[in-house]
């Protein structure tokens, strides 16, 4: 069981790092306003997040349930 606990810790750390990288990407896009950022020239973080939110929003109740499930998973870590 110690292995599963360790894997859970790693997964939580990776998820937290991923959210931090996404937040950094959003801040950099807002600061540089369309200028290519050197280490991510063709990635639009804001565009990708907007597309995900639009896709979930267009699904109606299914999208709302998906967001609720993801929120519960995130809170239970």
C-alpha atoms as a PDB file:
ATOM      1  CA  UNK A   1       0.000   0.000   0.000  1.00  0.00           C
ATOM      2  CA  UNK A   2       2.956   2.281   0.457  1.00  0.00           C
ATOM      3  CA  UNK A   3       3.531   2.196  -3.306  1.00  0.00           C
ATOM      4  CA  UNK A   4      -0.013   3.395  -4.005  1.00  0.00           C
ATOM      5  CA  UNK A   5       0.370   6.231  -1.519  1.00  0.00           C
ATOM      6  CA  UNK A   6       3.615   7.266  -3.191  1.00  0.00           C
ATOM      7  CA  UNK A   7       1.994   7.175  -6.648  1.00  0.00           C
ATOM      8  CA  UNK A   8      -0.879   9.296  -5.324  1.00  0.00           C
ATOM      9  CA  UNK A   9       1.600  11.864  -3.985  1.00  0.00           C
ATOM     10  CA  UNK A  10       3.406  11.980  -7.349  1.00  0.00           C
ATOM     11  CA  UNK A  11       0.123  12.385  -9.241  1.00  0.00           C
ATOM     12  CA  UNK A  12      -0.938  15.222  -6.934  1.00  0.00           C
ATOM     13  CA  UNK A  13       2.436  16.927  -7.361  1.00  0.00           C
ATOM     14  CA  UNK A  14       2.235  16.583 -11.156  1.00  0.00           C
ATOM     15  CA  UNK A  15      -1.301  17.981 -11.217  1.00  0.00           C
ATOM     16  CA  UNK A  16      -0.254  20.927  -9.081  1.00  0.00           C
ATOM     17  CA  UNK A  17       2.760  21.570 -11.307  1.00  0.00           C
ATOM     18  CA  UNK A  18       0.522  21.394 -14.386  1.00  0.00           C
ATOM     19  CA  UNK A  19      -1.889  23.950 -12.979  1.00  0.00           C
ATOM     20  CA  UNK A  20       1.049  26.215 -12.116  1.00  0.00           C
ATOM     21  CA  UNK A  21       2.426  25.960 -15.667  1.00  0.00           C
ATOM     22  CA  UNK A  22      -1.002  26.755 -17.125  1.00  0.00           C
ATOM     23  CA  UNK A  23      -1.330  29.781 -14.818  1.00  0.00           C
ATOM     24  CA  UNK A  24       2.154  30.954 -15.818  1.00  0.00           C
ATOM     25  CA  UNK A  25       1.260  30.593 -19.493  1.00  0.00           C
ATOM     26  CA  UNK A  26      -1.897  32.671 -19.036  1.00  0.00           C
ATOM     27  CA  UNK A  27      -0.001  35.410 -17.196  1.00  0.00           C
ATOM     28  CA  UNK A  28       2.706  35.498 -19.878  1.00  0.00           C
ATOM     29  CA  UNK A  29       0.125  35.722 -22.665  1.00  0.00           C
ATOM     30  CA  UNK A  30      -1.618  38.591 -20.917  1.00  0.00           C
ATOM     31  CA  UNK A  31       1.677  40.418 -20.294  1.00  0.00           C
ATOM     32  CA  UNK A  32       3.082  39.990 -23.803  1.00  0.00           C
ATOM     33  CA  UNK A  33      -0.264  40.553 -25.656  1.00  0.00           C
ATOM     34  CA  UNK A  34       0.248  38.583 -28.854  1.00  0.00           C
ATOM     35  CA  UNK A  35       4.031  38.810 -29.013  1.00  0.00           C
ATOM     36  CA  UNK A  36       5.625  35.376 -29.404  1.00  0.00           C
ATOM     37  CA  UNK A  37       6.935  34.124 -26.082  1.00  0.00           C
ATOM     38  CA  UNK A  38      10.400  32.587 -26.666  1.00  0.00           C
ATOM     39  CA  UNK A  39       9.821  29.133 -25.145  1.00  0.00           C
ATOM     40  CA  UNK A  40       6.234  28.686 -26.391  1.00  0.00           C
ATOM     41  CA  UNK A  41       5.907  30.522 -29.698  1.00  0.00           C
ATOM     42  CA  UNK A  42       2.878  28.752 -31.177  1.00  0.00           C
ATOM     43  CA  UNK A  43       0.922  27.738 -28.075  1.00  0.00           C
ATOM     44  CA  UNK A  44      -2.134  29.743 -27.052  1.00  0.00           C
ATOM     45  CA  UNK A  45      -2.954  28.769 -23.466  1.00  0.00           C
ATOM     46  CA  UNK A  46      -5.849  31.196 -23.225  1.00  0.00           C
ATOM     47  CA  UNK A  47      -7.242  29.931 -26.524  1.00  0.00           C
ATOM     48  CA  UNK A  48      -7.010  26.313 -25.356  1.00  0.00           C
ATOM     49  CA  UNK A  49      -8.660  27.034 -21.997  1.00  0.00           C
ATOM     50  CA  UNK A  50     -11.403  28.995 -23.766  1.00  0.00           C
ATOM     51  CA  UNK A  51     -11.985  26.095 -26.177  1.00  0.00           C
ATOM     52  CA  UNK A  52     -12.305  23.633 -23.285  1.00  0.00           C
ATOM     53  CA  UNK A  53     -14.755  25.863 -21.421  1.00  0.00           C
ATOM     54  CA  UNK A  54     -16.770  26.416 -24.623  1.00  0.00           C
ATOM     55  CA  UNK A  55     -16.880  22.685 -25.316  1.00  0.00           C
ATOM     56  CA  UNK A  56     -18.061  21.919 -21.792  1.00  0.00           C
ATOM     57  CA  UNK A  57     -20.582  24.765 -21.913  1.00  0.00           C
ATOM     58  CA  UNK A  58     -22.069  23.580 -25.191  1.00  0.00           C
ATOM     59  CA  UNK A  59     -22.759  20.147 -23.718  1.00  0.00           C
ATOM     60  CA  UNK A  60     -25.295  21.518 -21.253  1.00  0.00           C
ATOM     61  CA  UNK A  61     -25.940  19.241 -18.291  1.00  0.00           C
ATOM     62  CA  UNK A  62     -23.265  16.730 -19.354  1.00  0.00           C
ATOM     63  CA  UNK A  63     -20.643  19.483 -19.308  1.00  0.00           C
ATOM     64  CA  UNK A  64     -21.821  20.650 -15.909  1.00  0.00           C
ATOM     65  CA  UNK A  65     -21.588  17.112 -14.519  1.00  0.00           C
ATOM     66  CA  UNK A  66     -18.092  16.745 -16.014  1.00  0.00           C
ATOM     67  CA  UNK A  67     -16.964  19.966 -14.335  1.00  0.00           C
ATOM     68  CA  UNK A  68     -18.495  18.826 -11.034  1.00  0.00           C
ATOM     69  CA  UNK A  69     -16.661  15.465 -11.249  1.00  0.00           C
ATOM     70  CA  UNK A  70     -13.341  17.135 -12.073  1.00  0.00           C
ATOM     71  CA  UNK A  71     -13.823  19.588  -9.199  1.00  0.00           C
ATOM     72  CA  UNK A  72     -14.516  16.727  -6.771  1.00  0.00           C
ATOM     73  CA  UNK A  73     -11.445  14.848  -7.944  1.00  0.00           C
ATOM     74  CA  UNK A  74      -9.311  17.969  -7.506  1.00  0.00           C
ATOM     75  CA  UNK A  75     -10.695  18.674  -4.009  1.00  0.00           C
ATOM     76  CA  UNK A  76     -10.192  15.111  -2.776  1.00  0.00           C
ATOM     77  CA  UNK A  77      -6.439  15.125  -3.394  1.00  0.00           C
END
